[in-house]
Amino acid sequence: VGATSFWTQLFLVGLLYHLYNQFAFNTLGRVTPVSHGVCNVVKRVAIIVSSVIFFGTPLTMKTKIGTAVALLGTYLYTEATKAAAAKKAETKQA
């Protein structure tokens, strides 16, 4: 790999990381920090799944357990949020 290719790739990685951070801060300004954290967990699970599919990365037991915990936590948070919203709506009507 030549120097020009290295510097071009380094620039592109820096640019894309900057854009990712801009997107993350913009998102954080629009949602609650907990929702942002849940989205971050889902993003990490998507990265794990895509690396398994595209690169053939083997899943260790540790990775499987971590992914399952992340998915379960996200599901439980979503259900708890829905239940709290329903309870709040019920209280307002009463």
PDB file of N, CA and C in Angstrom:
ATOM      1  N   VAL A   1       0.858  -1.177   0.000  1.00  0.00           N
ATOM      2  CA  VAL A   1       0.000   0.000   0.000  1.00  0.00           C
ATOM      3  C   VAL A   1       0.898   1.231   0.000  1.00  0.00           C
ATOM      4  N   GLY A   2       0.621   2.122  -0.928  1.00  0.00           N
ATOM      5  CA  GLY A   2       1.425   3.322  -1.045  1.00  0.00           C
ATOM      6  C   GLY A   2       1.005   4.392  -0.064  1.00  0.00           C
ATOM      7  N   ALA A   3       1.840   5.425   0.027  1.00  0.00           N
ATOM      8  CA  ALA A   3       1.592   6.522   0.957  1.00  0.00           C
ATOM      9  C   ALA A   3       0.304   7.272   0.600  1.00  0.00           C
ATOM     10  N   THR A   4       0.059   7.463  -0.689  1.00  0.00           N
ATOM     11  CA  THR A   4      -1.148   8.178  -1.106  1.00  0.00           C
ATOM     12  C   THR A   4      -2.407   7.424  -0.678  1.00  0.00           C
ATOM     13  N   SER A   5      -2.403   6.129  -0.875  1.00  0.00           N
ATOM     14  CA  SER A   5      -3.551   5.318  -0.469  1.00  0.00           C
ATOM     15  C   SER A   5      -3.738   5.372   1.042  1.00  0.00           C
ATOM     16  N   PHE A   6      -2.649   5.302   1.784  1.00  0.00           N
ATOM     17  CA  PHE A   6      -2.726   5.362   3.246  1.00  0.00           C
ATOM     18  C   PHE A   6      -3.351   6.668   3.709  1.00  0.00           C
ATOM     19  N   TRP A   7      -2.847   7.795   3.179  1.00  0.00           N
ATOM     20  CA  TRP A   7      -3.349   9.099   3.620  1.00  0.00           C
ATOM     21  C   TRP A   7      -4.797   9.316   3.186  1.00  0.00           C
ATOM     22  N   THR A   8      -5.155   8.802   2.013  1.00  0.00           N
ATOM     23  CA  THR A   8      -6.541   8.917   1.552  1.00  0.00           C
ATOM     24  C   THR A   8      -7.477   8.142   2.472  1.00  0.00           C
ATOM     25  N   GLN A   9      -7.094   6.912   2.799  1.00  0.00           N
ATOM     26  CA  GLN A   9      -7.921   6.096   3.687  1.00  0.00           C
ATOM     27  C   GLN A   9      -7.980   6.695   5.088  1.00  0.00           C
ATOM     28  N   LEU A  10      -6.875   7.233   5.560  1.00  0.00           N
ATOM     29  CA  LEU A  10      -6.859   7.867   6.876  1.00  0.00           C
ATOM     30  C   LEU A  10      -7.802   9.073   6.904  1.00  0.00           C
ATOM     31  N   PHE A  11      -7.778   9.867   5.849  1.00  0.00           N
ATOM     32  CA  PHE A  11      -8.673  11.017   5.751  1.00  0.00           C
ATOM     33  C   PHE A  11     -10.139  10.571   5.744  1.00  0.00           C
ATOM     34  N   LEU A  12     -10.445   9.538   4.939  1.00  0.00           N
ATOM     35  CA  LEU A  12     -11.820   9.057   4.851  1.00  0.00           C
ATOM     36  C   LEU A  12     -12.311   8.494   6.177  1.00  0.00           C
ATOM     37  N   VAL A  13     -11.460   7.762   6.882  1.00  0.00           N
ATOM     38  CA  VAL A  13     -11.850   7.226   8.188  1.00  0.00           C
ATOM     39  C   VAL A  13     -12.133   8.376   9.156  1.00  0.00           C
ATOM     40  N   GLY A  14     -11.278   9.382   9.160  1.00  0.00           N
ATOM     41  CA  GLY A  14     -11.487  10.541  10.028  1.00  0.00           C
ATOM     42  C   GLY A  14     -12.769  11.278   9.689  1.00  0.00           C
ATOM     43  N   LEU A  15     -13.030  11.455   8.411  1.00  0.00           N
ATOM     44  CA  LEU A  15     -14.247  12.141   7.963  1.00  0.00           C
ATOM     45  C   LEU A  15     -15.501  11.355   8.370  1.00  0.00           C
ATOM     46  N   LEU A  16     -15.497  10.052   8.112  1.00  0.00           N
ATOM     47  CA  LEU A  16     -16.657   9.239   8.462  1.00  0.00           C
ATOM     48  C   LEU A  16     -16.871   9.183   9.971  1.00  0.00           C
ATOM     49  N   TYR A  17     -15.799   9.121  10.743  1.00  0.00           N
ATOM     50  CA  TYR A  17     -15.951   9.112  12.196  1.00  0.00           C
ATOM     51  C   TYR A  17     -16.508  10.450  12.685  1.00  0.00           C
ATOM     52  N   HIS A  18     -16.059  11.539  12.095  1.00  0.00           N
ATOM     53  CA  HIS A  18     -16.586  12.860  12.435  1.00  0.00           C
ATOM     54  C   HIS A  18     -18.086  12.928  12.133  1.00  0.00           C
ATOM     55  N   LEU A  19     -18.485  12.447  10.958  1.00  0.00           N
ATOM     56  CA  LEU A  19     -19.898  12.460  10.592  1.00  0.00           C
ATOM     57  C   LEU A  19     -20.715  11.570  11.531  1.00  0.00           C
ATOM     58  N   TYR A  20     -20.161  10.426  11.920  1.00  0.00           N
ATOM     59  CA  TYR A  20     -20.842   9.549  12.876  1.00  0.00           C
ATOM     60  C   TYR A  20     -21.069  10.285  14.199  1.00  0.00           C
ATOM     61  N   ASN A  21     -20.056  10.996  14.684  1.00  0.00           N
ATOM     62  CA  ASN A  21     -20.198  11.739  15.942  1.00  0.00           C
ATOM     63  C   ASN A  21     -21.220  12.865  15.813  1.00  0.00           C
ATOM     64  N   GLN A  22     -21.237  13.539  14.680  1.00  0.00           N
ATOM     65  CA  GLN A  22     -22.238  14.584  14.461  1.00  0.00           C
ATOM     66  C   GLN A  22     -23.641  13.988  14.508  1.00  0.00           C
ATOM     67  N   PHE A  23     -23.823  12.846  13.855  1.00  0.00           N
ATOM     68  CA  PHE A  23     -25.114  12.166  13.852  1.00  0.00           C
ATOM     69  C   PHE A  23     -25.507  11.746  15.270  1.00  0.00           C
ATOM     70  N   ALA A  24     -24.544  11.216  16.032  1.00  0.00           N
ATOM     71  CA  ALA A  24     -24.826  10.756  17.394  1.00  0.00           C
ATOM     72  C   ALA A  24     -25.243  11.924  18.287  1.00  0.00           C
ATOM     73  N   PHE A  25     -24.539  13.051  18.208  1.00  0.00           N
ATOM     74  CA  PHE A  25     -24.899  14.216  19.026  1.00  0.00           C
ATOM     75  C   PHE A  25     -26.247  14.794  18.606  1.00  0.00           C
ATOM     76  N   ASN A  26     -26.519  14.803  17.307  1.00  0.00           N
ATOM     77  CA  ASN A  26     -27.807  15.280  16.817  1.00  0.00           C
ATOM     78  C   ASN A  26     -28.928  14.384  17.335  1.00  0.00           C
ATOM     79  N   THR A  27     -28.704  13.080  17.293  1.00  0.00           N
ATOM     80  CA  THR A  27     -29.698  12.136  17.793  1.00  0.00           C
ATOM     81  C   THR A  27     -29.898  12.310  19.295  1.00  0.00           C
ATOM     82  N   LEU A  28     -28.811  12.467  20.031  1.00  0.00           N
ATOM     83  CA  LEU A  28     -28.893  12.633  21.478  1.00  0.00           C
ATOM     84  C   LEU A  28     -29.687  13.881  21.846  1.00  0.00           C
ATOM     85  N   GLY A  29     -29.616  14.900  21.008  1.00  0.00           N
ATOM     86  CA  GLY A  29     -30.390  16.109  21.249  1.00  0.00           C
ATOM     87  C   GLY A  29     -31.885  15.917  21.023  1.00  0.00           C
ATOM     88  N   ARG A  30     -32.268  14.876  20.314  1.00  0.00           N
ATOM     89  CA  ARG A  30     -33.671  14.656  19.973  1.00  0.00           C
ATOM     90  C   ARG A  30     -34.346  13.573  20.804  1.00  0.00           C
ATOM     91  N   VAL A  31     -33.567  12.700  21.436  1.00  0.00           N
ATOM     92  CA  VAL A  31     -34.145  11.605  22.225  1.00  0.00           C
ATOM     93  C   VAL A  31     -33.554  11.639  23.632  1.00  0.00           C
ATOM     94  N   THR A  32     -34.125  10.832  24.514  1.00  0.00           N
ATOM     95  CA  THR A  32     -33.594  10.763  25.873  1.00  0.00           C
ATOM     96  C   THR A  32     -32.266  10.011  25.868  1.00  0.00           C
ATOM     97  N   PRO A  33     -31.417  10.266  26.851  1.00  0.00           N
ATOM     98  CA  PRO A  33     -30.144   9.539  26.915  1.00  0.00           C
ATOM     99  C   PRO A  33     -30.320   8.026  27.000  1.00  0.00           C
ATOM    100  N   VAL A  34     -31.373   7.566  27.667  1.00  0.00           N
ATOM    101  CA  VAL A  34     -31.597   6.122  27.770  1.00  0.00           C
ATOM    102  C   VAL A  34     -31.965   5.543  26.404  1.00  0.00           C
ATOM    103  N   SER A  35     -32.822   6.243  25.667  1.00  0.00           N
ATOM    104  CA  SER A  35     -33.174   5.781  24.318  1.00  0.00           C
ATOM    105  C   SER A  35     -31.947   5.760  23.419  1.00  0.00           C
ATOM    106  N   HIS A  36     -31.102   6.754  23.568  1.00  0.00           N
ATOM    107  CA  HIS A  36     -29.860   6.794  22.793  1.00  0.00           C
ATOM    108  C   HIS A  36     -28.980   5.595  23.144  1.00  0.00           C
ATOM    109  N   GLY A  37     -28.928   5.257  24.420  1.00  0.00           N
ATOM    110  CA  GLY A  37     -28.150   4.096  24.849  1.00  0.00           C
ATOM    111  C   GLY A  37     -28.704   2.795  24.284  1.00  0.00           C
ATOM    112  N   VAL A  38     -30.032   2.687  24.254  1.00  0.00           N
ATOM    113  CA  VAL A  38     -30.660   1.492  23.681  1.00  0.00           C
ATOM    114  C   VAL A  38     -30.329   1.385  22.200  1.00  0.00           C
ATOM    115  N   CYS A  39     -30.409   2.496  21.494  1.00  0.00           N
ATOM    116  CA  CYS A  39     -30.047   2.488  20.069  1.00  0.00           C
ATOM    117  C   CYS A  39     -28.592   2.079  19.878  1.00  0.00           C
ATOM    118  N   ASN A  40     -27.733   2.517  20.774  1.00  0.00           N
ATOM    119  CA  ASN A  40     -26.325   2.153  20.701  1.00  0.00           C
ATOM    120  C   ASN A  40     -26.146   0.653  20.892  1.00  0.00           C
ATOM    121  N   VAL A  41     -26.922   0.062  21.797  1.00  0.00           N
ATOM    122  CA  VAL A  41     -26.858  -1.388  22.013  1.00  0.00           C
ATOM    123  C   VAL A  41     -27.313  -2.115  20.746  1.00  0.00           C
ATOM    124  N   VAL A  42     -28.396  -1.659  20.156  1.00  0.00           N
ATOM    125  CA  VAL A  42     -28.909  -2.278  18.935  1.00  0.00           C
ATOM    126  C   VAL A  42     -27.867  -2.151  17.820  1.00  0.00           C
ATOM    127  N   LYS A  43     -27.204  -1.020  17.748  1.00  0.00           N
ATOM    128  CA  LYS A  43     -26.159  -0.821  16.741  1.00  0.00           C
ATOM    129  C   LYS A  43     -25.036  -1.831  16.929  1.00  0.00           C
ATOM    130  N   ARG A  44     -24.624  -2.051  18.163  1.00  0.00           N
ATOM    131  CA  ARG A  44     -23.546  -3.005  18.431  1.00  0.00           C
ATOM    132  C   ARG A  44     -23.960  -4.428  18.055  1.00  0.00           C
ATOM    133  N   VAL A  45     -25.200  -4.782  18.346  1.00  0.00           N
ATOM    134  CA  VAL A  45     -25.688  -6.111  17.964  1.00  0.00           C
ATOM    135  C   VAL A  45     -25.704  -6.235  16.440  1.00  0.00           C
ATOM    136  N   ALA A  46     -26.126  -5.184  15.746  1.00  0.00           N
ATOM    137  CA  ALA A  46     -26.142  -5.206  14.279  1.00  0.00           C
ATOM    138  C   ALA A  46     -24.728  -5.369  13.728  1.00  0.00           C
ATOM    139  N   ILE A  47     -23.762  -4.733  14.356  1.00  0.00           N
ATOM    140  CA  ILE A  47     -22.372  -4.865  13.921  1.00  0.00           C
ATOM    141  C   ILE A  47     -21.894  -6.303  14.113  1.00  0.00           C
ATOM    142  N   ILE A  48     -22.242  -6.906  15.246  1.00  0.00           N
ATOM    143  CA  ILE A  48     -21.843  -8.295  15.506  1.00  0.00           C
ATOM    144  C   ILE A  48     -22.468  -9.224  14.476  1.00  0.00           C
ATOM    145  N   VAL A  49     -23.758  -9.060  14.241  1.00  0.00           N
ATOM    146  CA  VAL A  49     -24.456  -9.927  13.284  1.00  0.00           C
ATOM    147  C   VAL A  49     -23.893  -9.746  11.876  1.00  0.00           C
ATOM    148  N   SER A  50     -23.667  -8.498  11.469  1.00  0.00           N
ATOM    149  CA  SER A  50     -23.143  -8.271  10.123  1.00  0.00           C
ATOM    150  C   SER A  50     -21.721  -8.807   9.975  1.00  0.00           C
ATOM    151  N   SER A  51     -20.919  -8.744  11.030  1.00  0.00           N
ATOM    152  CA  SER A  51     -19.558  -9.292  10.924  1.00  0.00           C
ATOM    153  C   SER A  51     -19.599 -10.806  10.804  1.00  0.00           C
ATOM    154  N   VAL A  52     -20.571 -11.437  11.453  1.00  0.00           N
ATOM    155  CA  VAL A  52     -20.724 -12.893  11.318  1.00  0.00           C
ATOM    156  C   VAL A  52     -21.136 -13.235   9.887  1.00  0.00           C
ATOM    157  N   ILE A  53     -22.078 -12.476   9.343  1.00  0.00           N
ATOM    158  CA  ILE A  53     -22.590 -12.760   7.999  1.00  0.00           C
ATOM    159  C   ILE A  53     -21.547 -12.451   6.923  1.00  0.00           C
ATOM    160  N   PHE A  54     -20.967 -11.262   6.954  1.00  0.00           N
ATOM    161  CA  PHE A  54     -20.092 -10.833   5.871  1.00  0.00           C
ATOM    162  C   PHE A  54     -18.664 -11.370   5.967  1.00  0.00           C
ATOM    163  N   PHE A  55     -18.137 -11.479   7.184  1.00  0.00           N
ATOM    164  CA  PHE A  55     -16.740 -11.878   7.341  1.00  0.00           C
ATOM    165  C   PHE A  55     -16.569 -13.297   7.859  1.00  0.00           C
ATOM    166  N   GLY A  56     -17.670 -13.954   8.196  1.00  0.00           N
ATOM    167  CA  GLY A  56     -17.582 -15.313   8.702  1.00  0.00           C
ATOM    168  C   GLY A  56     -16.935 -15.411  10.067  1.00  0.00           C
ATOM    169  N   THR A  57     -17.044 -14.352  10.857  1.00  0.00           N
ATOM    170  CA  THR A  57     -16.460 -14.341  12.198  1.00  0.00           C
ATOM    171  C   THR A  57     -17.192 -15.352  13.075  1.00  0.00           C
ATOM    172  N   PRO A  58     -16.456 -16.258  13.708  1.00  0.00           N
ATOM    173  CA  PRO A  58     -17.147 -17.234  14.566  1.00  0.00           C
ATOM    174  C   PRO A  58     -17.656 -16.583  15.845  1.00  0.00           C
ATOM    175  N   LEU A  59     -18.805 -17.046  16.308  1.00  0.00           N
ATOM    176  CA  LEU A  59     -19.381 -16.539  17.553  1.00  0.00           C
ATOM    177  C   LEU A  59     -18.915 -17.407  18.715  1.00  0.00           C
ATOM    178  N   THR A  60     -18.260 -16.809  19.669  1.00  0.00           N
ATOM    179  CA  THR A  60     -17.876 -17.528  20.878  1.00  0.00           C
ATOM    180  C   THR A  60     -19.072 -17.556  21.820  1.00  0.00           C
ATOM    181  N   MET A  61     -19.003 -18.372  22.827  1.00  0.00           N
ATOM    182  CA  MET A  61     -20.092 -18.433  23.804  1.00  0.00           C
ATOM    183  C   MET A  61     -20.257 -17.078  24.492  1.00  0.00           C
ATOM    184  N   LYS A  62     -19.137 -16.419  24.752  1.00  0.00           N
ATOM    185  CA  LYS A  62     -19.167 -15.094  25.393  1.00  0.00           C
ATOM    186  C   LYS A  62     -19.923 -14.093  24.506  1.00  0.00           C
ATOM    187  N   THR A  63     -19.680 -14.131  23.202  1.00  0.00           N
ATOM    188  CA  THR A  63     -20.357 -13.225  22.275  1.00  0.00           C
ATOM    189  C   THR A  63     -21.846 -13.539  22.205  1.00  0.00           C
ATOM    190  N   LYS A  64     -22.179 -14.821  22.167  1.00  0.00           N
ATOM    191  CA  LYS A  64     -23.591 -15.212  22.115  1.00  0.00           C
ATOM    192  C   LYS A  64     -24.337 -14.744  23.366  1.00  0.00           C
ATOM    193  N   ILE A  65     -23.724 -14.938  24.531  1.00  0.00           N
ATOM    194  CA  ILE A  65     -24.366 -14.520  25.782  1.00  0.00           C
ATOM    195  C   ILE A  65     -24.505 -13.003  25.825  1.00  0.00           C
ATOM    196  N   GLY A  66     -23.467 -12.290  25.434  1.00  0.00           N
ATOM    197  CA  GLY A  66     -23.513 -10.824  25.426  1.00  0.00           C
ATOM    198  C   GLY A  66     -24.579 -10.288  24.490  1.00  0.00           C
ATOM    199  N   THR A  67     -24.697 -10.882  23.319  1.00  0.00           N
ATOM    200  CA  THR A  67     -25.717 -10.468  22.359  1.00  0.00           C
ATOM    201  C   THR A  67     -27.112 -10.752  22.907  1.00  0.00           C
ATOM    202  N   ALA A  68     -27.279 -11.915  23.518  1.00  0.00           N
ATOM    203  CA  ALA A  68     -28.584 -12.263  24.097  1.00  0.00           C
ATOM    204  C   ALA A  68     -28.963 -11.311  25.231  1.00  0.00           C
ATOM    205  N   VAL A  69     -28.004 -10.969  26.076  1.00  0.00           N
ATOM    206  CA  VAL A  69     -28.268 -10.034  27.177  1.00  0.00           C
ATOM    207  C   VAL A  69     -28.661  -8.659  26.626  1.00  0.00           C
ATOM    208  N   ALA A  70     -27.942  -8.213  25.591  1.00  0.00           N
ATOM    209  CA  ALA A  70     -28.248  -6.912  24.983  1.00  0.00           C
ATOM    210  C   ALA A  70     -29.651  -6.904  24.389  1.00  0.00           C
ATOM    211  N   LEU A  71     -30.000  -7.963  23.677  1.00  0.00           N
ATOM    212  CA  LEU A  71     -31.341  -8.030  23.082  1.00  0.00           C
ATOM    213  C   LEU A  71     -32.426  -8.119  24.149  1.00  0.00           C
ATOM    214  N   LEU A  72     -32.196  -8.923  25.168  1.00  0.00           N
ATOM    215  CA  LEU A  72     -33.170  -9.046  26.254  1.00  0.00           C
ATOM    216  C   LEU A  72     -33.344  -7.711  26.982  1.00  0.00           C
ATOM    217  N   GLY A  73     -32.253  -7.040  27.264  1.00  0.00           N
ATOM    218  CA  GLY A  73     -32.330  -5.742  27.933  1.00  0.00           C
ATOM    219  C   GLY A  73     -33.079  -4.714  27.112  1.00  0.00           C
ATOM    220  N   THR A  74     -32.832  -4.706  25.811  1.00  0.00           N
ATOM    221  CA  THR A  74     -33.537  -3.778  24.927  1.00  0.00           C
ATOM    222  C   THR A  74     -35.025  -4.095  24.895  1.00  0.00           C
ATOM    223  N   TYR A  75     -35.368  -5.368  24.820  1.00  0.00           N
ATOM    224  CA  TYR A  75     -36.778  -5.771  24.821  1.00  0.00           C
ATOM    225  C   TYR A  75     -37.452  -5.365  26.134  1.00  0.00           C
ATOM    226  N   LEU A  76     -36.806  -5.649  27.259  1.00  0.00           N
ATOM    227  CA  LEU A  76     -37.388  -5.317  28.565  1.00  0.00           C
ATOM    228  C   LEU A  76     -37.565  -3.809  28.730  1.00  0.00           C
ATOM    229  N   TYR A  77     -36.591  -3.038  28.261  1.00  0.00           N
ATOM    230  CA  TYR A  77     -36.706  -1.579  28.335  1.00  0.00           C
ATOM    231  C   TYR A  77     -37.898  -1.094  27.508  1.00  0.00           C
ATOM    232  N   THR A  78     -38.043  -1.638  26.316  1.00  0.00           N
ATOM    233  CA  THR A  78     -39.147  -1.241  25.450  1.00  0.00           C
ATOM    234  C   THR A  78     -40.491  -1.564  26.097  1.00  0.00           C
ATOM    235  N   GLU A  79     -40.602  -2.752  26.660  1.00  0.00           N
ATOM    236  CA  GLU A  79     -41.852  -3.138  27.320  1.00  0.00           C
ATOM    237  C   GLU A  79     -42.126  -2.272  28.547  1.00  0.00           C
ATOM    238  N   ALA A  80     -41.106  -1.975  29.327  1.00  0.00           N
ATOM    239  CA  ALA A  80     -41.276  -1.131  30.515  1.00  0.00           C
ATOM    240  C   ALA A  80     -41.698   0.283  30.117  1.00  0.00           C
ATOM    241  N   THR A  81     -41.127   0.794  29.037  1.00  0.00           N
ATOM    242  CA  THR A  81     -41.484   2.129  28.556  1.00  0.00           C
ATOM    243  C   THR A  81     -42.941   2.162  28.104  1.00  0.00           C
ATOM    244  N   LYS A  82     -43.363   1.131  27.384  1.00  0.00           N
ATOM    245  CA  LYS A  82     -44.765   1.070  26.944  1.00  0.00           C
ATOM    246  C   LYS A  82     -45.708   0.977  28.137  1.00  0.00           C
ATOM    247  N   ALA A  83     -45.351   0.167  29.125  1.00  0.00           N
ATOM    248  CA  ALA A  83     -46.199   0.016  30.315  1.00  0.00           C
ATOM    249  C   ALA A  83     -46.292   1.328  31.084  1.00  0.00           C
ATOM    250  N   ALA A  84     -45.176   2.039  31.205  1.00  0.00           N
ATOM    251  CA  ALA A  84     -45.182   3.320  31.919  1.00  0.00           C
ATOM    252  C   ALA A  84     -46.017   4.346  31.166  1.00  0.00           C
ATOM    253  N   ALA A  85     -45.934   4.359  29.843  1.00  0.00           N
ATOM    254  CA  ALA A  85     -46.730   5.304  29.057  1.00  0.00           C
ATOM    255  C   ALA A  85     -48.212   4.987  29.178  1.00  0.00           C
ATOM    256  N   ALA A  86     -48.554   3.711  29.183  1.00  0.00           N
ATOM    257  CA  ALA A  86     -49.955   3.325  29.322  1.00  0.00           C
ATOM    258  C   ALA A  86     -50.486   3.698  30.702  1.00  0.00           C
ATOM    259  N   LYS A  87     -49.661   3.501  31.715  1.00  0.00           N
ATOM    260  CA  LYS A  87     -50.080   3.849  33.093  1.00  0.00           C
ATOM    261  C   LYS A  87     -50.258   5.372  33.213  1.00  0.00           C
ATOM    262  N   LYS A  88     -49.356   6.120  32.598  1.00  0.00           N
ATOM    263  CA  LYS A  88     -49.438   7.575  32.647  1.00  0.00           C
ATOM    264  C   LYS A  88     -50.703   8.057  31.933  1.00  0.00           C
ATOM    265  N   ALA A  89     -51.014   7.453  30.785  1.00  0.00           N
ATOM    266  CA  ALA A  89     -52.230   7.832  30.044  1.00  0.00           C
ATOM    267  C   ALA A  89     -53.478   7.467  30.837  1.00  0.00           C
ATOM    268  N   GLU A  90     -53.424   6.342  31.529  1.00  0.00           N
ATOM    269  CA  GLU A  90     -54.544   5.893  32.345  1.00  0.00           C
ATOM    270  C   GLU A  90     -54.785   6.857  33.506  1.00  0.00           C
ATOM    271  N   THR A  91     -53.705   7.326  34.102  1.00  0.00           N
ATOM    272  CA  THR A  91     -53.795   8.262  35.231  1.00  0.00           C
ATOM    273  C   THR A  91     -54.370   9.598  34.785  1.00  0.00           C
ATOM    274  N   LYS A  92     -53.991  10.061  33.591  1.00  0.00           N
ATOM    275  CA  LYS A  92     -54.504  11.329  33.072  1.00  0.00           C
ATOM    276  C   LYS A  92     -56.002  11.254  32.792  1.00  0.00           C
ATOM    277  N   GLN A  93     -56.482  10.107  32.344  1.00  0.00           N
ATOM    278  CA  GLN A  93     -57.902   9.958  32.032  1.00  0.00           C
ATOM    279  C   GLN A  93     -58.753   9.864  33.298  1.00  0.00           C
ATOM    280  N   ALA A  94     -58.154   9.378  34.370  1.00  0.00           N
ATOM    281  CA  ALA A  94     -58.927   9.189  35.609  1.00  0.00           C
ATOM    282  C   ALA A  94     -59.120  10.450  36.393  1.00  0.00           C
TER     283      ALA A  94
END
